[in-house]
């Protein structure tokens, strides 16, 4: 019976360690965290990890971006060609127009530290 309990305890410890590693890996991935939404705007926090681009997407409406960290943010097309390179300064805001029709892009962080921004996107044309 003692051996059985030890096996159960070791299995439980292994599960907890594995779950913790999986949680840490998820937290280290680039992601969007919803912040607020109503009938006029949608707001989210984007966390772009170094060398972990956001998936290809597009913005049909204009948006304000507020930098929470300093660093460079590259906007690249499907071929990884840089469309825009933004030099972000913590605490500053900028306006980004809607993407051109049919154009997809990914957000890339070429820095060594995570980039964080708040995005507030209109839901309707101005």
N, C-alpha and C. Protein backbone atom coordinates (compact mmCIF):
# COMPACT_ATOMS: atom_id res chain seq x y z
N UNK A 1 0.82 -1.20 0.00
CA UNK A 1 0.00 0.00 0.00
C UNK A 1 0.86 1.26 0.00
N UNK A 2 2.00 1.21 0.70
CA UNK A 2 2.89 2.35 0.77
C UNK A 2 3.44 2.71 -0.61
N UNK A 3 3.79 1.70 -1.39
CA UNK A 3 4.30 1.92 -2.74
C UNK A 3 3.23 2.56 -3.62
N UNK A 4 2.00 2.13 -3.48
CA UNK A 4 0.89 2.68 -4.26
C UNK A 4 0.70 4.17 -3.96
N UNK A 5 0.75 4.54 -2.68
CA UNK A 5 0.60 5.96 -2.31
C UNK A 5 1.72 6.80 -2.89
N UNK A 6 2.93 6.28 -2.86
CA UNK A 6 4.08 7.01 -3.42
C UNK A 6 3.89 7.24 -4.91
N UNK A 7 3.38 6.24 -5.61
CA UNK A 7 3.13 6.37 -7.04
C UNK A 7 2.07 7.44 -7.31
N UNK A 8 1.04 7.47 -6.48
CA UNK A 8 -0.02 8.46 -6.63
C UNK A 8 0.54 9.86 -6.38
N UNK A 9 1.34 10.00 -5.33
CA UNK A 9 1.92 11.31 -5.01
C UNK A 9 2.85 11.77 -6.15
N UNK A 10 3.68 10.87 -6.66
CA UNK A 10 4.57 11.22 -7.77
C UNK A 10 3.78 11.60 -9.02
N UNK A 11 2.71 10.90 -9.28
CA UNK A 11 1.87 11.23 -10.43
C UNK A 11 1.24 12.61 -10.26
N UNK A 12 0.77 12.91 -9.05
CA UNK A 12 0.16 14.20 -8.77
C UNK A 12 1.19 15.33 -8.93
N UNK A 13 2.39 15.13 -8.41
CA UNK A 13 3.45 16.14 -8.54
C UNK A 13 3.78 16.35 -10.01
N UNK A 14 3.89 15.28 -10.76
CA UNK A 14 4.19 15.38 -12.19
C UNK A 14 3.11 16.16 -12.92
N UNK A 15 1.85 15.92 -12.58
CA UNK A 15 0.73 16.63 -13.20
C UNK A 15 0.80 18.13 -12.90
N UNK A 16 1.05 18.48 -11.63
CA UNK A 16 1.10 19.89 -11.23
C UNK A 16 2.25 20.60 -11.93
N UNK A 17 3.41 19.97 -11.99
CA UNK A 17 4.56 20.58 -12.67
C UNK A 17 4.26 20.77 -14.15
N UNK A 18 3.67 19.76 -14.79
CA UNK A 18 3.32 19.86 -16.21
C UNK A 18 2.30 20.95 -16.46
N UNK A 19 1.29 21.07 -15.59
CA UNK A 19 0.27 22.11 -15.74
C UNK A 19 0.90 23.49 -15.57
N UNK A 20 1.83 23.62 -14.62
CA UNK A 20 2.51 24.90 -14.42
C UNK A 20 3.34 25.29 -15.62
N UNK A 21 4.02 24.33 -16.20
CA UNK A 21 4.84 24.61 -17.40
C UNK A 21 3.94 25.01 -18.56
N UNK A 22 2.79 24.36 -18.71
CA UNK A 22 1.87 24.69 -19.79
C UNK A 22 1.32 26.11 -19.59
N UNK A 23 0.98 26.48 -18.34
CA UNK A 23 0.49 27.83 -18.05
C UNK A 23 1.56 28.86 -18.38
N UNK A 24 2.81 28.60 -17.98
CA UNK A 24 3.91 29.54 -18.26
C UNK A 24 4.11 29.69 -19.76
N UNK A 25 3.99 28.60 -20.52
CA UNK A 25 4.15 28.66 -21.97
C UNK A 25 3.04 29.50 -22.59
N UNK A 26 1.80 29.34 -22.11
CA UNK A 26 0.68 30.13 -22.64
C UNK A 26 0.89 31.61 -22.34
N UNK A 27 1.39 31.93 -21.15
CA UNK A 27 1.61 33.31 -20.78
C UNK A 27 2.75 33.92 -21.59
N UNK A 28 3.66 33.10 -22.11
CA UNK A 28 4.79 33.59 -22.89
C UNK A 28 4.45 33.77 -24.37
N UNK A 29 3.25 33.40 -24.77
CA UNK A 29 2.86 33.52 -26.17
C UNK A 29 2.29 34.91 -26.45
N UNK A 30 2.50 35.39 -27.67
CA UNK A 30 1.87 36.65 -28.09
C UNK A 30 0.36 36.45 -28.05
N UNK A 31 -0.35 37.50 -27.62
CA UNK A 31 -1.79 37.33 -27.45
C UNK A 31 -2.51 38.67 -27.35
N UNK A 32 -3.84 38.59 -27.50
CA UNK A 32 -4.73 39.72 -27.25
C UNK A 32 -5.54 39.41 -26.00
N UNK A 33 -5.68 40.42 -25.15
CA UNK A 33 -6.50 40.29 -23.95
C UNK A 33 -7.62 41.32 -24.04
N UNK A 34 -8.88 40.88 -24.21
CA UNK A 34 -9.99 41.83 -24.32
C UNK A 34 -10.05 42.74 -23.08
N UNK A 35 -10.38 44.02 -23.33
CA UNK A 35 -10.46 45.00 -22.25
C UNK A 35 -11.87 45.59 -22.11
N UNK A 36 -12.48 45.94 -23.25
CA UNK A 36 -13.76 46.65 -23.21
C UNK A 36 -14.39 46.59 -24.59
N UNK A 37 -15.72 46.56 -24.60
CA UNK A 37 -16.41 46.60 -25.89
C UNK A 37 -17.81 47.17 -25.68
N UNK A 38 -18.22 48.02 -26.64
CA UNK A 38 -19.60 48.49 -26.69
C UNK A 38 -20.00 48.55 -28.16
N UNK A 39 -21.09 49.25 -28.47
CA UNK A 39 -21.54 49.27 -29.87
C UNK A 39 -20.69 50.18 -30.77
N UNK A 40 -19.77 50.96 -30.18
CA UNK A 40 -18.96 51.88 -30.97
C UNK A 40 -17.50 51.49 -31.09
N UNK A 41 -16.93 50.88 -30.03
CA UNK A 41 -15.50 50.54 -30.04
C UNK A 41 -15.26 49.16 -29.43
N UNK A 42 -14.10 48.64 -29.77
CA UNK A 42 -13.61 47.41 -29.16
C UNK A 42 -12.18 47.70 -28.70
N UNK A 43 -11.85 47.36 -27.46
CA UNK A 43 -10.52 47.63 -26.93
C UNK A 43 -9.89 46.33 -26.44
N UNK A 44 -8.59 46.21 -26.72
CA UNK A 44 -7.85 45.04 -26.23
C UNK A 44 -6.42 45.44 -25.94
N UNK A 45 -5.78 44.61 -25.14
CA UNK A 45 -4.35 44.75 -24.86
C UNK A 45 -3.64 43.69 -25.70
N UNK A 46 -2.70 44.12 -26.51
CA UNK A 46 -1.87 43.18 -27.27
C UNK A 46 -0.53 43.06 -26.58
N UNK A 47 -0.11 41.82 -26.38
CA UNK A 47 1.20 41.54 -25.84
C UNK A 47 1.93 40.76 -26.93
N UNK A 48 2.96 41.38 -27.48
CA UNK A 48 3.70 40.77 -28.59
C UNK A 48 5.07 40.38 -28.05
N UNK A 49 5.28 39.08 -27.97
CA UNK A 49 6.54 38.56 -27.44
C UNK A 49 7.62 38.61 -28.53
N UNK A 50 8.89 38.71 -28.12
CA UNK A 50 9.98 38.70 -29.10
C UNK A 50 9.93 37.45 -29.97
N UNK A 51 10.05 37.65 -31.26
CA UNK A 51 10.10 36.55 -32.24
C UNK A 51 8.89 35.64 -32.20
N UNK A 52 7.74 36.14 -31.76
CA UNK A 52 6.48 35.38 -31.76
C UNK A 52 5.39 36.25 -32.37
N UNK A 53 5.37 36.35 -33.71
CA UNK A 53 4.40 37.23 -34.37
C UNK A 53 2.95 36.87 -34.03
N UNK A 54 2.12 37.89 -34.03
CA UNK A 54 0.67 37.65 -33.95
C UNK A 54 0.28 37.00 -35.28
N UNK A 55 -0.80 36.27 -35.29
CA UNK A 55 -1.24 35.64 -36.53
C UNK A 55 -1.70 36.70 -37.53
N UNK A 56 -1.71 36.33 -38.82
CA UNK A 56 -2.16 37.25 -39.86
C UNK A 56 -3.59 37.68 -39.58
N UNK A 57 -3.85 38.97 -39.73
CA UNK A 57 -5.19 39.52 -39.51
C UNK A 57 -5.29 40.85 -40.24
N UNK A 58 -6.44 41.47 -40.15
CA UNK A 58 -6.63 42.78 -40.76
C UNK A 58 -7.56 43.62 -39.89
N UNK A 59 -7.55 44.92 -40.13
CA UNK A 59 -8.41 45.86 -39.42
C UNK A 59 -9.25 46.61 -40.44
N UNK A 60 -10.54 46.41 -40.38
CA UNK A 60 -11.45 47.07 -41.32
C UNK A 60 -11.81 48.49 -40.89
N UNK A 61 -11.43 48.86 -39.67
CA UNK A 61 -11.74 50.20 -39.16
C UNK A 61 -10.49 50.80 -38.52
N UNK A 62 -10.48 52.13 -38.41
CA UNK A 62 -9.37 52.82 -37.78
C UNK A 62 -9.28 52.51 -36.31
N UNK A 63 -8.10 52.79 -35.74
CA UNK A 63 -7.88 52.46 -34.34
C UNK A 63 -6.81 53.36 -33.74
N UNK A 64 -6.94 53.56 -32.44
CA UNK A 64 -5.91 54.26 -31.68
C UNK A 64 -5.08 53.20 -30.96
N UNK A 65 -3.77 53.41 -30.96
CA UNK A 65 -2.86 52.51 -30.29
C UNK A 65 -2.12 53.30 -29.22
N UNK A 66 -2.09 52.80 -27.99
CA UNK A 66 -1.39 53.44 -26.89
C UNK A 66 -0.28 52.50 -26.43
N UNK A 67 0.96 52.95 -26.51
CA UNK A 67 2.10 52.12 -26.11
C UNK A 67 2.21 52.04 -24.59
N UNK A 68 2.31 50.83 -24.09
CA UNK A 68 2.53 50.63 -22.65
C UNK A 68 4.00 50.35 -22.36
N UNK A 69 4.76 50.03 -23.43
CA UNK A 69 6.19 49.77 -23.30
C UNK A 69 6.91 50.46 -24.47
N UNK A 70 8.20 50.64 -24.31
CA UNK A 70 9.04 51.17 -25.39
C UNK A 70 9.48 50.04 -26.30
N UNK A 71 9.72 50.35 -27.57
CA UNK A 71 10.28 49.35 -28.48
C UNK A 71 9.79 49.55 -29.90
N UNK A 72 10.28 48.71 -30.77
CA UNK A 72 9.87 48.76 -32.18
C UNK A 72 8.81 47.70 -32.42
N UNK A 73 7.79 48.08 -33.19
CA UNK A 73 6.74 47.15 -33.62
C UNK A 73 6.73 47.16 -35.14
N UNK A 74 6.99 46.01 -35.73
CA UNK A 74 6.96 45.89 -37.19
C UNK A 74 5.63 45.28 -37.62
N UNK A 75 5.05 45.86 -38.66
CA UNK A 75 3.84 45.32 -39.27
C UNK A 75 4.30 44.69 -40.58
N UNK A 76 4.10 43.38 -40.71
CA UNK A 76 4.61 42.66 -41.88
C UNK A 76 3.47 42.00 -42.65
N UNK A 77 3.70 41.79 -43.96
CA UNK A 77 2.71 41.10 -44.78
C UNK A 77 2.95 39.59 -44.71
N UNK A 78 2.20 38.84 -45.50
CA UNK A 78 2.29 37.37 -45.46
C UNK A 78 3.65 36.85 -45.88
N UNK A 79 4.42 37.66 -46.63
CA UNK A 79 5.76 37.28 -47.05
C UNK A 79 6.84 37.79 -46.10
N UNK A 80 6.41 38.32 -44.95
CA UNK A 80 7.29 38.86 -43.92
C UNK A 80 7.98 40.16 -44.35
N UNK A 81 7.43 40.83 -45.37
CA UNK A 81 7.94 42.13 -45.80
C UNK A 81 7.39 43.19 -44.85
N UNK A 82 8.27 44.06 -44.35
CA UNK A 82 7.83 45.11 -43.42
C UNK A 82 7.02 46.16 -44.16
N UNK A 83 5.77 46.32 -43.74
CA UNK A 83 4.88 47.35 -44.29
C UNK A 83 5.06 48.67 -43.53
N UNK A 84 5.22 48.57 -42.21
CA UNK A 84 5.42 49.73 -41.34
C UNK A 84 6.31 49.32 -40.19
N UNK A 85 7.16 50.22 -39.74
CA UNK A 85 7.96 50.02 -38.53
C UNK A 85 7.65 51.18 -37.60
N UNK A 86 7.04 50.89 -36.48
CA UNK A 86 6.66 51.92 -35.52
C UNK A 86 7.63 51.88 -34.34
N UNK A 87 8.13 53.05 -33.96
CA UNK A 87 8.99 53.17 -32.79
C UNK A 87 8.10 53.65 -31.64
N UNK A 88 7.76 52.72 -30.77
CA UNK A 88 6.82 53.01 -29.69
C UNK A 88 7.53 53.60 -28.49
N UNK A 89 6.88 54.60 -27.90
CA UNK A 89 7.38 55.21 -26.67
C UNK A 89 6.27 55.08 -25.63
N UNK A 90 6.62 54.47 -24.52
CA UNK A 90 5.64 54.22 -23.46
C UNK A 90 4.86 55.49 -23.13
N UNK A 91 3.53 55.33 -23.08
CA UNK A 91 2.67 56.44 -22.70
C UNK A 91 2.22 57.32 -23.86
N UNK A 92 2.64 57.02 -25.07
CA UNK A 92 2.23 57.82 -26.22
C UNK A 92 1.20 57.06 -27.06
N UNK A 93 0.42 57.82 -27.79
CA UNK A 93 -0.66 57.25 -28.61
C UNK A 93 -0.45 57.62 -30.06
N UNK A 94 -1.03 56.80 -30.93
CA UNK A 94 -1.00 57.10 -32.37
C UNK A 94 -2.29 56.58 -33.00
N UNK A 95 -2.61 57.12 -34.16
CA UNK A 95 -3.78 56.69 -34.93
C UNK A 95 -3.32 55.83 -36.10
N UNK A 96 -4.00 54.73 -36.32
CA UNK A 96 -3.74 53.87 -37.47
C UNK A 96 -5.04 53.72 -38.26
N UNK A 97 -4.99 54.05 -39.54
CA UNK A 97 -6.17 53.93 -40.39
C UNK A 97 -6.51 52.46 -40.64
N UNK A 98 -7.69 52.24 -41.18
CA UNK A 98 -8.09 50.89 -41.59
C UNK A 98 -7.09 50.35 -42.60
N UNK A 99 -6.93 49.04 -42.62
CA UNK A 99 -6.03 48.42 -43.59
C UNK A 99 -6.61 48.52 -45.00
N UNK A 100 -5.74 48.58 -46.00
CA UNK A 100 -6.24 48.57 -47.38
C UNK A 100 -7.03 47.29 -47.66
N UNK A 101 -8.02 47.35 -48.54
CA UNK A 101 -8.84 46.16 -48.84
C UNK A 101 -7.97 44.95 -49.21
N UNK A 102 -8.27 43.83 -48.58
CA UNK A 102 -7.58 42.58 -48.88
C UNK A 102 -6.21 42.42 -48.26
N UNK A 103 -5.68 43.44 -47.60
CA UNK A 103 -4.33 43.34 -47.05
C UNK A 103 -4.36 42.73 -45.64
N UNK A 104 -3.61 41.67 -45.47
CA UNK A 104 -3.45 41.02 -44.18
C UNK A 104 -2.08 41.39 -43.63
N UNK A 105 -1.95 41.37 -42.31
CA UNK A 105 -0.65 41.67 -41.71
C UNK A 105 -0.49 40.91 -40.40
N UNK A 106 0.75 40.87 -39.93
CA UNK A 106 1.07 40.32 -38.61
C UNK A 106 1.88 41.36 -37.86
N UNK A 107 1.76 41.36 -36.55
CA UNK A 107 2.54 42.25 -35.69
C UNK A 107 3.76 41.47 -35.22
N UNK A 108 4.95 42.06 -35.39
CA UNK A 108 6.20 41.39 -35.05
C UNK A 108 7.00 42.26 -34.09
N UNK A 109 7.53 41.64 -33.07
CA UNK A 109 8.36 42.32 -32.09
C UNK A 109 9.81 41.89 -32.29
N UNK A 110 10.66 42.77 -32.88
CA UNK A 110 12.06 42.41 -33.10
C UNK A 110 12.95 42.70 -31.88
N UNK A 111 12.34 43.13 -30.79
CA UNK A 111 13.09 43.49 -29.58
C UNK A 111 13.39 42.25 -28.73
N UNK A 112 14.06 42.46 -27.61
CA UNK A 112 14.38 41.35 -26.71
C UNK A 112 13.39 41.25 -25.55
N UNK A 113 12.52 42.26 -25.40
CA UNK A 113 11.52 42.27 -24.32
C UNK A 113 10.13 42.33 -24.93
N UNK A 114 9.12 41.87 -24.21
CA UNK A 114 7.74 41.94 -24.72
C UNK A 114 7.30 43.38 -24.98
N UNK A 115 6.47 43.55 -26.01
CA UNK A 115 5.82 44.84 -26.29
C UNK A 115 4.37 44.73 -25.83
N UNK A 116 3.88 45.79 -25.22
CA UNK A 116 2.48 45.82 -24.80
C UNK A 116 1.85 47.12 -25.29
N UNK A 117 0.68 46.99 -25.89
CA UNK A 117 -0.08 48.15 -26.36
C UNK A 117 -1.56 47.95 -26.04
N UNK A 118 -2.25 49.05 -25.89
CA UNK A 118 -3.71 49.04 -25.82
C UNK A 118 -4.20 49.53 -27.17
N UNK A 119 -5.14 48.81 -27.76
CA UNK A 119 -5.73 49.19 -29.04
C UNK A 119 -7.21 49.46 -28.82
N UNK A 120 -7.69 50.60 -29.30
CA UNK A 120 -9.12 50.94 -29.27
C UNK A 120 -9.54 51.14 -30.71
N UNK A 121 -10.32 50.19 -31.20
CA UNK A 121 -10.71 50.18 -32.61
C UNK A 121 -12.18 50.56 -32.76
N UNK A 122 -12.43 51.46 -33.72
CA UNK A 122 -13.82 51.82 -34.04
C UNK A 122 -14.53 50.62 -34.63
N UNK A 123 -15.84 50.56 -34.43
CA UNK A 123 -16.62 49.48 -35.05
C UNK A 123 -17.32 49.93 -36.31
N UNK A 124 -17.38 51.25 -36.52
CA UNK A 124 -18.06 51.81 -37.70
C UNK A 124 -17.11 52.80 -38.37
N UNK A 125 -17.33 53.03 -39.64
CA UNK A 125 -16.55 54.05 -40.33
C UNK A 125 -16.86 55.41 -39.74
N UNK A 126 -15.88 56.29 -39.83
CA UNK A 126 -16.08 57.65 -39.29
C UNK A 126 -17.04 58.42 -40.12
